[in-house]
PDB file of all heavy atoms in Angstrom:
ATOM      1  N   LEU A   1      13.245  -1.750  -7.565  1.00  0.00           N
ATOM      2  CA  LEU A   1      11.803  -1.826  -7.669  1.00  0.00           C
ATOM      3  C   LEU A   1      11.312  -0.603  -8.416  1.00  0.00           C
ATOM      4  O   LEU A   1      10.377  -0.600  -9.382  1.00  0.00           O
ATOM      5  CB  LEU A   1      11.148  -1.882  -6.352  1.00  0.00           C
ATOM      6  CG  LEU A   1       9.627  -2.013  -6.328  1.00  0.00           C
ATOM      7  CD1 LEU A   1       9.167  -3.460  -6.833  1.00  0.00           C
ATOM      8  CD2 LEU A   1       9.009  -1.854  -4.996  1.00  0.00           C
ATOM      9  N   LYS A   2      11.818   0.605  -8.139  1.00  0.00           N
ATOM     10  CA  LYS A   2      11.340   1.830  -8.755  1.00  0.00           C
ATOM     11  C   LYS A   2      11.545   1.844 -10.253  1.00  0.00           C
ATOM     12  O   LYS A   2      10.962   2.732 -10.931  1.00  0.00           O
ATOM     13  CB  LYS A   2      12.009   3.110  -8.080  1.00  0.00           C
ATOM     14  CG  LYS A   2      11.625   3.314  -6.624  1.00  0.00           C
ATOM     15  CD  LYS A   2      12.541   4.390  -6.032  1.00  0.00           C
ATOM     16  CE  LYS A   2      12.183   4.706  -4.544  1.00  0.00           C
ATOM     17  NZ  LYS A   2      12.911   5.866  -3.930  1.00  0.00           N
ATOM     18  N   LYS A   3      12.486   1.077 -10.763  1.00  0.00           N
ATOM     19  CA  LYS A   3      12.694   1.046 -12.153  1.00  0.00           C
ATOM     20  C   LYS A   3      11.466   0.415 -13.026  1.00  0.00           C
ATOM     21  O   LYS A   3      11.504   0.411 -14.228  1.00  0.00           O
ATOM     22  CB  LYS A   3      14.053   0.323 -12.574  1.00  0.00           C
ATOM     23  CG  LYS A   3      15.173   1.060 -11.978  1.00  0.00           C
ATOM     24  CD  LYS A   3      16.516   0.280 -12.164  1.00  0.00           C
ATOM     25  CE  LYS A   3      17.633   1.060 -11.682  1.00  0.00           C
ATOM     26  NZ  LYS A   3      19.038   0.346 -11.852  1.00  0.00           N
ATOM     27  N   LEU A   4      10.699  -0.334 -12.282  1.00  0.00           N
ATOM     28  CA  LEU A   4       9.604  -1.084 -12.930  1.00  0.00           C
ATOM     29  C   LEU A   4       8.272  -0.305 -12.877  1.00  0.00           C
ATOM     30  O   LEU A   4       8.066   0.627 -12.172  1.00  0.00           O
ATOM     31  CB  LEU A   4       9.318  -2.403 -12.057  1.00  0.00           C
ATOM     32  CG  LEU A   4      10.504  -3.386 -11.878  1.00  0.00           C
ATOM     33  CD1 LEU A   4       9.934  -4.561 -11.227  1.00  0.00           C
ATOM     34  CD2 LEU A   4      11.059  -3.828 -13.108  1.00  0.00           C
ATOM     35  N   ASP A   5       7.432  -0.662 -13.908  1.00  0.00           N
ATOM     36  CA  ASP A   5       6.040  -0.208 -13.870  1.00  0.00           C
ATOM     37  C   ASP A   5       5.300  -1.181 -12.994  1.00  0.00           C
ATOM     38  O   ASP A   5       5.053  -2.315 -13.496  1.00  0.00           O
ATOM     39  CB  ASP A   5       5.494  -0.001 -15.382  1.00  0.00           C
ATOM     40  CG  ASP A   5       6.229   0.936 -16.180  1.00  0.00           C
ATOM     41  OD1 ASP A   5       6.637   1.998 -15.430  1.00  0.00           O
ATOM     42  OD2 ASP A   5       6.423   0.814 -17.321  1.00  0.00           O
ATOM     43  N   PHE A   6       4.786  -0.775 -11.823  1.00  0.00           N
ATOM     44  CA  PHE A   6       4.281  -1.789 -10.944  1.00  0.00           C
ATOM     45  C   PHE A   6       3.113  -1.277 -10.108  1.00  0.00           C
ATOM     46  O   PHE A   6       2.933   0.047 -10.071  1.00  0.00           O
ATOM     47  CB  PHE A   6       5.355  -2.336  -9.985  1.00  0.00           C
ATOM     48  CG  PHE A   6       5.679  -1.476  -8.991  1.00  0.00           C
ATOM     49  CD1 PHE A   6       5.158  -1.403  -7.708  1.00  0.00           C
ATOM     50  CD2 PHE A   6       6.707  -0.452  -9.268  1.00  0.00           C
ATOM     51  CE1 PHE A   6       5.484  -0.576  -6.689  1.00  0.00           C
ATOM     52  CE2 PHE A   6       7.135   0.443  -8.217  1.00  0.00           C
ATOM     53  CZ  PHE A   6       6.584   0.337  -6.982  1.00  0.00           C
ATOM     54  N   ILE A   7       2.353  -2.098  -9.530  1.00  0.00           N
ATOM     55  CA  ILE A   7       1.357  -1.706  -8.427  1.00  0.00           C
ATOM     56  C   ILE A   7       1.516  -2.724  -7.306  1.00  0.00           C
ATOM     57  O   ILE A   7       2.271  -3.715  -7.510  1.00  0.00           O
ATOM     58  CB  ILE A   7      -0.007  -1.727  -8.970  1.00  0.00           C
ATOM     59  CG1 ILE A   7      -0.488  -3.159  -9.293  1.00  0.00           C
ATOM     60  CG2 ILE A   7      -0.183  -0.644 -10.154  1.00  0.00           C
ATOM     61  CD1 ILE A   7      -2.057  -3.322  -9.488  1.00  0.00           C
ATOM     62  N   VAL A   8       0.891  -2.312  -6.183  1.00  0.00           N
ATOM     63  CA  VAL A   8       1.018  -3.273  -4.977  1.00  0.00           C
ATOM     64  C   VAL A   8      -0.460  -3.570  -4.714  1.00  0.00           C
ATOM     65  O   VAL A   8      -1.292  -2.624  -4.560  1.00  0.00           O
ATOM     66  CB  VAL A   8       1.672  -2.574  -3.878  1.00  0.00           C
ATOM     67  CG1 VAL A   8       1.556  -3.553  -2.685  1.00  0.00           C
ATOM     68  CG2 VAL A   8       3.067  -2.362  -4.248  1.00  0.00           C
ATOM     69  N   LEU A   9      -0.924  -4.796  -4.474  1.00  0.00           N
ATOM     70  CA  LEU A   9      -2.078  -5.192  -3.947  1.00  0.00           C
ATOM     71  C   LEU A   9      -1.902  -5.803  -2.605  1.00  0.00           C
ATOM     72  O   LEU A   9      -1.069  -6.677  -2.393  1.00  0.00           O
ATOM     73  CB  LEU A   9      -2.792  -6.228  -4.946  1.00  0.00           C
ATOM     74  CG  LEU A   9      -3.425  -5.800  -6.146  1.00  0.00           C
ATOM     75  CD1 LEU A   9      -4.091  -7.056  -6.912  1.00  0.00           C
ATOM     76  CD2 LEU A   9      -4.321  -4.625  -5.961  1.00  0.00           C
ATOM     77  N   THR A  10      -2.648  -5.175  -1.578  1.00  0.00           N
ATOM     78  CA  THR A  10      -2.463  -5.715  -0.205  1.00  0.00           C
ATOM     79  C   THR A  10      -3.889  -5.972   0.401  1.00  0.00           C
ATOM     80  O   THR A  10      -4.680  -5.154   0.040  1.00  0.00           O
ATOM     81  CB  THR A  10      -1.511  -4.765   0.620  1.00  0.00           C
ATOM     82  OG1 THR A  10      -1.280  -5.390   1.811  1.00  0.00           O
ATOM     83  CG2 THR A  10      -2.240  -3.523   0.779  1.00  0.00           C
ATOM     84  N   ILE A  11      -3.911  -6.806   1.375  1.00  0.00           N
ATOM     85  CA  ILE A  11      -5.124  -7.096   2.274  1.00  0.00           C
ATOM     86  C   ILE A  11      -4.814  -6.451   3.605  1.00  0.00           C
ATOM     87  O   ILE A  11      -4.011  -6.762   4.364  1.00  0.00           O
ATOM     88  CB  ILE A  11      -5.334  -8.635   2.373  1.00  0.00           C
ATOM     89  CG1 ILE A  11      -5.338  -9.348   1.024  1.00  0.00           C
ATOM     90  CG2 ILE A  11      -6.682  -8.791   3.154  1.00  0.00           C
ATOM     91  CD1 ILE A  11      -6.512  -8.984   0.232  1.00  0.00           C
ATOM     92  N   ARG A  12      -5.704  -5.479   3.779  1.00  0.00           N
ATOM     93  CA  ARG A  12      -5.588  -4.714   5.125  1.00  0.00           C
ATOM     94  C   ARG A  12      -7.052  -4.352   5.530  1.00  0.00           C
ATOM     95  O   ARG A  12      -7.958  -3.975   4.834  1.00  0.00           O
ATOM     96  CB  ARG A  12      -4.760  -3.461   5.036  1.00  0.00           C
ATOM     97  CG  ARG A  12      -3.248  -3.709   4.757  1.00  0.00           C
ATOM     98  CD  ARG A  12      -2.506  -4.202   5.965  1.00  0.00           C
ATOM     99  NE  ARG A  12      -1.085  -4.347   5.754  1.00  0.00           N
ATOM    100  CZ  ARG A  12      -0.180  -3.526   6.231  1.00  0.00           C
ATOM    101  NH1 ARG A  12      -0.549  -2.530   7.109  1.00  0.00           N
ATOM    102  NH2 ARG A  12       1.142  -3.756   6.070  1.00  0.00           N
ATOM    103  N   ARG A  13      -7.238  -4.257   6.956  1.00  0.00           N
ATOM    104  CA  ARG A  13      -8.443  -3.782   7.422  1.00  0.00           C
ATOM    105  C   ARG A  13      -8.506  -2.174   7.529  1.00  0.00           C
ATOM    106  O   ARG A  13      -9.506  -1.616   7.514  1.00  0.00           O
ATOM    107  CB  ARG A  13      -8.661  -4.430   8.768  1.00  0.00           C
ATOM    108  CG  ARG A  13      -9.050  -5.844   8.712  1.00  0.00           C
ATOM    109  CD  ARG A  13      -9.236  -6.396  10.101  1.00  0.00           C
ATOM    110  NE  ARG A  13      -9.964  -7.744   9.991  1.00  0.00           N
ATOM    111  CZ  ARG A  13      -9.345  -8.903   9.579  1.00  0.00           C
ATOM    112  NH1 ARG A  13      -8.007  -8.938   9.448  1.00  0.00           N
ATOM    113  NH2 ARG A  13      -9.996  -9.954   9.548  1.00  0.00           N
ATOM    114  N   ARG A  14      -7.221  -1.606   7.778  1.00  0.00           N
ATOM    115  CA  ARG A  14      -7.241  -0.228   8.101  1.00  0.00           C
ATOM    116  C   ARG A  14      -6.298   0.541   7.041  1.00  0.00           C
ATOM    117  O   ARG A  14      -5.080   0.586   7.320  1.00  0.00           O
ATOM    118  CB  ARG A  14      -6.836   0.095   9.504  1.00  0.00           C
ATOM    119  CG  ARG A  14      -7.772  -0.569  10.529  1.00  0.00           C
ATOM    120  CD  ARG A  14      -7.153  -0.676  11.984  1.00  0.00           C
ATOM    121  NE  ARG A  14      -6.595   0.685  12.335  1.00  0.00           N
ATOM    122  CZ  ARG A  14      -5.850   0.849  13.512  1.00  0.00           C
ATOM    123  NH1 ARG A  14      -5.480  -0.195  14.219  1.00  0.00           N
ATOM    124  NH2 ARG A  14      -5.452   2.054  13.786  1.00  0.00           N
ATOM    125  N   ALA A  15      -6.810   0.942   5.931  1.00  0.00           N
ATOM    126  CA  ALA A  15      -5.943   1.568   4.999  1.00  0.00           C
ATOM    127  C   ALA A  15      -5.267   2.860   5.465  1.00  0.00           C
ATOM    128  O   ALA A  15      -4.046   2.977   5.106  1.00  0.00           O
ATOM    129  CB  ALA A  15      -6.823   1.956   3.780  1.00  0.00           C
ATOM    130  N   GLU A  16      -5.799   3.614   6.155  1.00  0.00           N
ATOM    131  CA  GLU A  16      -5.244   4.795   6.704  1.00  0.00           C
ATOM    132  C   GLU A  16      -3.987   4.540   7.667  1.00  0.00           C
ATOM    133  O   GLU A  16      -3.063   5.225   7.529  1.00  0.00           O
ATOM    134  CB  GLU A  16      -6.195   5.791   7.420  1.00  0.00           C
ATOM    135  CG  GLU A  16      -5.648   7.122   7.767  1.00  0.00           C
ATOM    136  CD  GLU A  16      -5.045   7.850   6.533  1.00  0.00           C
ATOM    137  OE1 GLU A  16      -5.613   7.759   5.466  1.00  0.00           O
ATOM    138  OE2 GLU A  16      -3.976   8.453   6.693  1.00  0.00           O
ATOM    139  N   ALA A  17      -4.111   3.500   8.408  1.00  0.00           N
ATOM    140  CA  ALA A  17      -3.004   3.102   9.258  1.00  0.00           C
ATOM    141  C   ALA A  17      -1.876   2.615   8.356  1.00  0.00           C
ATOM    142  O   ALA A  17      -0.600   2.966   8.585  1.00  0.00           O
ATOM    143  CB  ALA A  17      -3.427   1.928  10.184  1.00  0.00           C
ATOM    144  N   LEU A  18      -2.086   2.033   7.184  1.00  0.00           N
ATOM    145  CA  LEU A  18      -1.050   1.676   6.340  1.00  0.00           C
ATOM    146  C   LEU A  18      -0.399   2.836   5.688  1.00  0.00           C
ATOM    147  O   LEU A  18       0.823   2.927   5.647  1.00  0.00           O
ATOM    148  CB  LEU A  18      -1.595   0.701   5.192  1.00  0.00           C
ATOM    149  CG  LEU A  18      -0.759   0.447   4.032  1.00  0.00           C
ATOM    150  CD1 LEU A  18       0.630  -0.241   4.413  1.00  0.00           C
ATOM    151  CD2 LEU A  18      -1.459  -0.278   2.974  1.00  0.00           C
ATOM    152  N   TYR A  19      -1.247   3.756   5.260  1.00  0.00           N
ATOM    153  CA  TYR A  19      -0.661   5.050   4.683  1.00  0.00           C
ATOM    154  C   TYR A  19       0.296   5.839   5.703  1.00  0.00           C
ATOM    155  O   TYR A  19       1.308   6.304   5.218  1.00  0.00           O
ATOM    156  CB  TYR A  19      -1.618   5.869   4.173  1.00  0.00           C
ATOM    157  CG  TYR A  19      -2.690   5.285   3.050  1.00  0.00           C
ATOM    158  CD1 TYR A  19      -4.048   5.496   3.044  1.00  0.00           C
ATOM    159  CD2 TYR A  19      -2.152   4.324   2.203  1.00  0.00           C
ATOM    160  CE1 TYR A  19      -4.899   5.071   2.039  1.00  0.00           C
ATOM    161  CE2 TYR A  19      -2.906   3.796   1.245  1.00  0.00           C
ATOM    162  CZ  TYR A  19      -4.321   4.048   1.297  1.00  0.00           C
ATOM    163  OH  TYR A  19      -5.093   3.535   0.258  1.00  0.00           O
ATOM    164  N   GLN A  20      -0.155   5.911   6.806  1.00  0.00           N
ATOM    165  CA  GLN A  20       0.595   6.581   7.869  1.00  0.00           C
ATOM    166  C   GLN A  20       1.864   5.861   8.148  1.00  0.00           C
ATOM    167  O   GLN A  20       3.013   6.574   8.255  1.00  0.00           O
ATOM    168  CB  GLN A  20      -0.166   6.600   9.208  1.00  0.00           C
ATOM    169  CG  GLN A  20      -1.373   7.589   9.099  1.00  0.00           C
ATOM    170  CD  GLN A  20      -2.166   7.521  10.410  1.00  0.00           C
ATOM    171  OE1 GLN A  20      -1.764   6.722  11.417  1.00  0.00           O
ATOM    172  NE2 GLN A  20      -3.280   8.269  10.483  1.00  0.00           N
ATOM    173  N   GLU A  21       1.932   4.584   8.082  1.00  0.00           N
ATOM    174  CA  GLU A  21       3.121   3.783   8.202  1.00  0.00           C
ATOM    175  C   GLU A  21       4.132   3.943   7.083  1.00  0.00           C
ATOM    176  O   GLU A  21       5.388   4.136   7.161  1.00  0.00           O
ATOM    177  CB  GLU A  21       2.908   2.316   8.502  1.00  0.00           C
ATOM    178  CG  GLU A  21       4.061   1.404   8.578  1.00  0.00           C
ATOM    179  CD  GLU A  21       5.001   1.744   9.894  1.00  0.00           C
ATOM    180  OE1 GLU A  21       4.470   2.573  10.643  1.00  0.00           O
ATOM    181  OE2 GLU A  21       6.090   1.254   9.848  1.00  0.00           O
ATOM    182  N   LEU A  22       3.598   3.971   5.884  1.00  0.00           N
ATOM    183  CA  LEU A  22       4.411   4.242   4.652  1.00  0.00           C
ATOM    184  C   LEU A  22       4.924   5.639   4.816  1.00  0.00           C
ATOM    185  O   LEU A  22       6.155   5.916   4.380  1.00  0.00           O
ATOM    186  CB  LEU A  22       3.589   4.149   3.373  1.00  0.00           C
ATOM    187  CG  LEU A  22       3.042   2.669   3.076  1.00  0.00           C
ATOM    188  CD1 LEU A  22       2.152   2.753   1.904  1.00  0.00           C
ATOM    189  CD2 LEU A  22       4.265   1.732   2.953  1.00  0.00           C
ATOM    190  N   ARG A  23       4.154   6.567   5.148  1.00  0.00           N
ATOM    191  CA  ARG A  23       4.859   7.975   5.281  1.00  0.00           C
ATOM    192  C   ARG A  23       5.936   7.974   6.455  1.00  0.00           C
ATOM    193  O   ARG A  23       6.994   8.671   6.243  1.00  0.00           O
ATOM    194  CB  ARG A  23       3.721   9.062   5.698  1.00  0.00           C
ATOM    195  CG  ARG A  23       2.638   9.258   4.560  1.00  0.00           C
ATOM    196  CD  ARG A  23       1.767  10.368   4.990  1.00  0.00           C
ATOM    197  NE  ARG A  23       0.695  10.314   4.048  1.00  0.00           N
ATOM    198  CZ  ARG A  23      -0.655   9.850   4.208  1.00  0.00           C
ATOM    199  NH1 ARG A  23      -0.877   9.275   5.431  1.00  0.00           N
ATOM    200  NH2 ARG A  23      -1.598   9.981   3.288  1.00  0.00           N
ATOM    201  N   ARG A  24       5.671   7.279   7.470  1.00  0.00           N
ATOM    202  CA  ARG A  24       6.783   7.219   8.671  1.00  0.00           C
ATOM    203  C   ARG A  24       7.973   6.710   8.014  1.00  0.00           C
ATOM    204  O   ARG A  24       9.037   7.129   8.400  1.00  0.00           O
ATOM    205  CB  ARG A  24       6.238   6.416   9.659  1.00  0.00           C
ATOM    206  CG  ARG A  24       7.110   6.476  10.883  1.00  0.00           C
ATOM    207  CD  ARG A  24       6.691   5.390  11.964  1.00  0.00           C
ATOM    208  NE  ARG A  24       7.041   3.956  11.534  1.00  0.00           N
ATOM    209  CZ  ARG A  24       8.267   3.481  11.563  1.00  0.00           C
ATOM    210  NH1 ARG A  24       9.180   4.108  12.033  1.00  0.00           N
ATOM    211  NH2 ARG A  24       8.416   2.179  11.170  1.00  0.00           N
ATOM    212  N   ARG A  25       7.922   5.594   7.139  1.00  0.00           N
ATOM    213  CA  ARG A  25       9.056   4.974   6.573  1.00  0.00           C
ATOM    214  C   ARG A  25       9.676   5.753   5.334  1.00  0.00           C
ATOM    215  O   ARG A  25      10.580   5.265   4.690  1.00  0.00           O
ATOM    216  CB  ARG A  25       8.729   3.576   6.088  1.00  0.00           C
ATOM    217  CG  ARG A  25       8.340   2.592   7.184  1.00  0.00           C
ATOM    218  CD  ARG A  25       7.913   1.256   6.849  1.00  0.00           C
ATOM    219  NE  ARG A  25       7.592   0.393   7.877  1.00  0.00           N
ATOM    220  CZ  ARG A  25       8.470  -0.541   8.306  1.00  0.00           C
ATOM    221  NH1 ARG A  25       9.694  -0.705   7.835  1.00  0.00           N
ATOM    222  NH2 ARG A  25       8.129  -1.300   9.249  1.00  0.00           N
ATOM    223  N   LYS A  26       9.009   6.916   5.042  1.00  0.00           N
ATOM    224  CA  LYS A  26       9.391   7.696   3.900  1.00  0.00           C
ATOM    225  C   LYS A  26       9.262   6.905   2.548  1.00  0.00           C
ATOM    226  O   LYS A  26      10.136   7.056   1.684  1.00  0.00           O
ATOM    227  CB  LYS A  26      10.912   8.288   4.072  1.00  0.00           C
ATOM    228  CG  LYS A  26      11.013   9.041   5.377  1.00  0.00           C
ATOM    229  CD  LYS A  26      12.378   9.733   5.362  1.00  0.00           C
ATOM    230  CE  LYS A  26      12.664  10.368   6.695  1.00  0.00           C
ATOM    231  NZ  LYS A  26      11.494  11.332   7.049  1.00  0.00           N
ATOM    232  N   LEU A  27       8.218   6.157   2.562  1.00  0.00           N
ATOM    233  CA  LEU A  27       7.721   5.373   1.328  1.00  0.00           C
ATOM    234  C   LEU A  27       6.577   5.978   0.681  1.00  0.00           C
ATOM    235  O   LEU A  27       5.854   5.322   0.199  1.00  0.00           O
ATOM    236  CB  LEU A  27       7.634   3.886   1.707  1.00  0.00           C
ATOM    237  CG  LEU A  27       8.832   3.226   2.224  1.00  0.00           C
ATOM    238  CD1 LEU A  27       8.364   1.841   2.712  1.00  0.00           C
ATOM    239  CD2 LEU A  27       9.918   3.149   1.242  1.00  0.00           C
ATOM    240  N   ASP A  28       6.475   7.262   0.700  1.00  0.00           N
ATOM    241  CA  ASP A  28       5.306   8.034   0.143  1.00  0.00           C
ATOM    242  C   ASP A  28       5.100   7.593  -1.265  1.00  0.00           C
ATOM    243  O   ASP A  28       3.855   7.659  -1.787  1.00  0.00           O
ATOM    244  CB  ASP A  28       5.466   9.456   0.282  1.00  0.00           C
ATOM    245  CG  ASP A  28       5.822   9.942   1.717  1.00  0.00           C
ATOM    246  OD1 ASP A  28       6.841   9.613   2.168  1.00  0.00           O
ATOM    247  OD2 ASP A  28       4.986  10.747   2.290  1.00  0.00           O
ATOM    248  N   PHE A  29       6.112   7.352  -1.897  1.00  0.00           N
ATOM    249  CA  PHE A  29       5.941   7.034  -3.436  1.00  0.00           C
ATOM    250  C   PHE A  29       5.033   5.860  -3.710  1.00  0.00           C
ATOM    251  O   PHE A  29       4.402   5.654  -4.799  1.00  0.00           O
ATOM    252  CB  PHE A  29       7.310   6.821  -4.106  1.00  0.00           C
ATOM    253  CG  PHE A  29       8.025   5.418  -3.786  1.00  0.00           C
ATOM    254  CD1 PHE A  29       7.762   4.394  -4.639  1.00  0.00           C
ATOM    255  CD2 PHE A  29       8.709   5.298  -2.685  1.00  0.00           C
ATOM    256  CE1 PHE A  29       8.305   3.170  -4.439  1.00  0.00           C
ATOM    257  CE2 PHE A  29       9.260   4.108  -2.446  1.00  0.00           C
ATOM    258  CZ  PHE A  29       9.002   2.914  -3.215  1.00  0.00           C
ATOM    259  N   LEU A  30       4.900   4.901  -2.583  1.00  0.00           N
ATOM    260  CA  LEU A  30       4.103   3.765  -2.841  1.00  0.00           C
ATOM    261  C   LEU A  30       2.593   3.943  -2.555  1.00  0.00           C
ATOM    262  O   LEU A  30       1.769   3.253  -3.123  1.00  0.00           O
ATOM    263  CB  LEU A  30       4.467   2.751  -1.614  1.00  0.00           C
ATOM    264  CG  LEU A  30       5.583   1.762  -1.847  1.00  0.00           C
ATOM    265  CD1 LEU A  30       5.650   0.784  -0.802  1.00  0.00           C
ATOM    266  CD2 LEU A  30       5.459   0.934  -3.314  1.00  0.00           C
ATOM    267  N   ILE A  31       2.203   5.110  -2.025  1.00  0.00           N
ATOM    268  CA  ILE A  31       0.900   5.448  -1.759  1.00  0.00           C
ATOM    269  C   ILE A  31      -0.077   5.411  -3.007  1.00  0.00           C
ATOM    270  O   ILE A  31      -1.136   4.878  -2.947  1.00  0.00           O
ATOM    271  CB  ILE A  31       0.698   6.675  -0.846  1.00  0.00           C
ATOM    272  CG1 ILE A  31       1.372   6.482   0.465  1.00  0.00           C
ATOM    273  CG2 ILE A  31      -0.761   7.091  -0.708  1.00  0.00           C
ATOM    274  CD1 ILE A  31       1.407   7.573   1.450  1.00  0.00           C
ATOM    275  N   HIS A  32       0.443   6.024  -3.997  1.00  0.00           N
ATOM    276  CA  HIS A  32      -0.351   6.174  -5.147  1.00  0.00           C
ATOM    277  C   HIS A  32      -0.315   4.932  -6.164  1.00  0.00           C
ATOM    278  O   HIS A  32      -0.889   4.716  -7.074  1.00  0.00           O
ATOM    279  CB  HIS A  32      -0.041   7.309  -6.072  1.00  0.00           C
ATOM    280  CG  HIS A  32       1.335   7.226  -6.725  1.00  0.00           C
ATOM    281  ND1 HIS A  32       2.467   7.447  -6.132  1.00  0.00           N
ATOM    282  CD2 HIS A  32       1.590   7.013  -8.111  1.00  0.00           C
ATOM    283  CE1 HIS A  32       3.600   7.265  -7.047  1.00  0.00           C
ATOM    284  NE2 HIS A  32       3.086   6.994  -8.153  1.00  0.00           N
ATOM    285  N   LYS A  33       0.605   3.950  -5.624  1.00  0.00           N
ATOM    286  CA  LYS A  33       0.713   2.638  -6.319  1.00  0.00           C
ATOM    287  C   LYS A  33       0.007   1.478  -5.653  1.00  0.00           C
ATOM    288  O   LYS A  33       0.114   0.391  -6.185  1.00  0.00           O
ATOM    289  CB  LYS A  33       2.156   2.425  -6.543  1.00  0.00           C
ATOM    290  CG  LYS A  33       2.912   3.288  -7.567  1.00  0.00           C
ATOM    291  CD  LYS A  33       4.352   2.893  -7.780  1.00  0.00           C
ATOM    292  CE  LYS A  33       5.028   3.543  -8.886  1.00  0.00           C
ATOM    293  NZ  LYS A  33       4.590   3.125 -10.224  1.00  0.00           N
ATOM    294  N   ILE A  34      -0.514   1.744  -4.381  1.00  0.00           N
ATOM    295  CA  ILE A  34      -0.956   0.659  -3.703  1.00  0.00           C
ATOM    296  C   ILE A  34      -2.524   0.729  -3.534  1.00  0.00           C
ATOM    297  O   ILE A  34      -3.173   1.751  -3.611  1.00  0.00           O
ATOM    298  CB  ILE A  34      -0.432   0.794  -2.257  1.00  0.00           C
ATOM    299  CG1 ILE A  34      -0.547  -0.645  -1.555  1.00  0.00           C
ATOM    300  CG2 ILE A  34      -1.034   1.819  -1.415  1.00  0.00           C
ATOM    301  CD1 ILE A  34       0.367  -0.670  -0.280  1.00  0.00           C
ATOM    302  N   PHE A  35      -3.120  -0.560  -3.812  1.00  0.00           N
ATOM    303  CA  PHE A  35      -4.509  -0.761  -3.722  1.00  0.00           C
ATOM    304  C   PHE A  35      -4.794  -1.647  -2.582  1.00  0.00           C
ATOM    305  O   PHE A  35      -4.345  -2.725  -2.432  1.00  0.00           O
ATOM    306  CB  PHE A  35      -5.115  -1.377  -5.003  1.00  0.00           C
ATOM    307  CG  PHE A  35      -4.847  -0.410  -6.200  1.00  0.00           C
ATOM    308  CD1 PHE A  35      -3.633  -0.392  -6.920  1.00  0.00           C
ATOM    309  CD2 PHE A  35      -5.812   0.487  -6.511  1.00  0.00           C
ATOM    310  CE1 PHE A  35      -3.309   0.401  -8.047  1.00  0.00           C
ATOM    311  CE2 PHE A  35      -5.676   1.327  -7.688  1.00  0.00           C
ATOM    312  CZ  PHE A  35      -4.399   1.284  -8.357  1.00  0.00           C
ATOM    313  N   VAL A  36      -5.662  -1.181  -1.715  1.00  0.00           N
ATOM    314  CA  VAL A  36      -6.013  -1.951  -0.513  1.00  0.00           C
ATOM    315  C   VAL A  36      -7.310  -2.639  -0.505  1.00  0.00           C
ATOM    316  O   VAL A  36      -8.228  -1.981  -0.927  1.00  0.00           O
ATOM    317  CB  VAL A  36      -5.917  -0.967   0.708  1.00  0.00           C
ATOM    318  CG1 VAL A  36      -6.339  -1.684   2.060  1.00  0.00           C
ATOM    319  CG2 VAL A  36      -4.780  -0.063   0.983  1.00  0.00           C
ATOM    320  N   LEU A  37      -7.228  -4.040  -0.325  1.00  0.00           N
ATOM    321  CA  LEU A  37      -8.481  -4.825  -0.498  1.00  0.00           C
ATOM    322  C   LEU A  37      -8.876  -5.306   0.916  1.00  0.00           C
ATOM    323  O   LEU A  37      -7.982  -5.545   1.763  1.00  0.00           O
ATOM    324  CB  LEU A  37      -8.222  -6.036  -1.448  1.00  0.00           C
ATOM    325  CG  LEU A  37      -7.543  -5.649  -2.796  1.00  0.00           C
ATOM    326  CD1 LEU A  37      -7.335  -7.032  -3.621  1.00  0.00           C
ATOM    327  CD2 LEU A  37      -8.535  -4.714  -3.512  1.00  0.00           C
ATOM    328  N   GLU A  38     -10.129  -5.548   1.076  1.00  0.00           N
ATOM    329  CA  GLU A  38     -10.643  -5.977   2.410  1.00  0.00           C
ATOM    330  C   GLU A  38     -10.385  -7.462   2.620  1.00  0.00           C
ATOM    331  O   GLU A  38     -10.373  -8.262   1.600  1.00  0.00           O
ATOM    332  CB  GLU A  38     -12.086  -5.678   2.545  1.00  0.00           C
ATOM    333  CG  GLU A  38     -12.344  -4.128   2.662  1.00  0.00           C
ATOM    334  CD  GLU A  38     -13.843  -3.814   2.831  1.00  0.00           C
ATOM    335  OE1 GLU A  38     -14.715  -4.795   3.023  1.00  0.00           O
ATOM    336  OE2 GLU A  38     -14.220  -2.664   3.027  1.00  0.00           O
ATOM    337  N   PRO A  39     -10.142  -7.913   3.874  1.00  0.00           N
ATOM    338  CA  PRO A  39      -9.884  -9.225   4.111  1.00  0.00           C
ATOM    339  C   PRO A  39     -11.124 -10.145   3.978  1.00  0.00           C
ATOM    340  O   PRO A  39     -12.281  -9.617   3.961  1.00  0.00           O
ATOM    341  CB  PRO A  39      -9.336  -9.289   5.499  1.00  0.00           C
ATOM    342  CG  PRO A  39      -9.859  -8.087   6.109  1.00  0.00           C
ATOM    343  CD  PRO A  39      -9.937  -7.074   5.031  1.00  0.00           C
ATOM    344  N   GLY A  40     -10.959 -11.418   4.057  1.00  0.00           N
ATOM    345  CA  GLY A  40     -12.116 -12.315   4.115  1.00  0.00           C
ATOM    346  C   GLY A  40     -12.404 -13.114   2.940  1.00  0.00           C
ATOM    347  O   GLY A  40     -13.276 -13.883   2.796  1.00  0.00           O
ATOM    348  N   ASN A  41     -11.765 -12.737   1.803  1.00  0.00           N
ATOM    349  CA  ASN A  41     -12.089 -13.473   0.494  1.00  0.00           C
ATOM    350  C   ASN A  41     -10.735 -13.783  -0.105  1.00  0.00           C
ATOM    351  O   ASN A  41     -10.029 -12.959  -0.605  1.00  0.00           O
ATOM    352  CB  ASN A  41     -12.735 -12.522  -0.410  1.00  0.00           C
ATOM    353  CG  ASN A  41     -13.191 -13.223  -1.739  1.00  0.00           C
ATOM    354  OD1 ASN A  41     -12.859 -14.314  -2.031  1.00  0.00           O
ATOM    355  ND2 ASN A  41     -13.793 -12.351  -2.546  1.00  0.00           N
ATOM    356  N   LYS A  42     -10.368 -14.988  -0.225  1.00  0.00           N
ATOM    357  CA  LYS A  42      -9.154 -15.522  -0.838  1.00  0.00           C
ATOM    358  C   LYS A  42      -8.995 -15.192  -2.333  1.00  0.00           C
ATOM    359  O   LYS A  42      -7.899 -15.293  -2.769  1.00  0.00           O
ATOM    360  CB  LYS A  42      -8.760 -16.888  -0.526  1.00  0.00           C
ATOM    361  CG  LYS A  42      -9.731 -17.840  -1.147  1.00  0.00           C
ATOM    362  CD  LYS A  42      -9.455 -19.323  -0.586  1.00  0.00           C
ATOM    363  CE  LYS A  42     -10.304 -20.252  -1.352  1.00  0.00           C
ATOM    364  NZ  LYS A  42      -9.950 -21.784  -0.827  1.00  0.00           N
TER     365      LYS A  42
END
């Protein structure tokens, strides 16, 4: 995956909880590539 130029779009209510989980998993590199959208709109 790291060989690609990519972004991640995800639906979450609590962005900070997601960032904390990514850090816990040592996936910090994803944080600047991820965009968190609010739920409720398909």
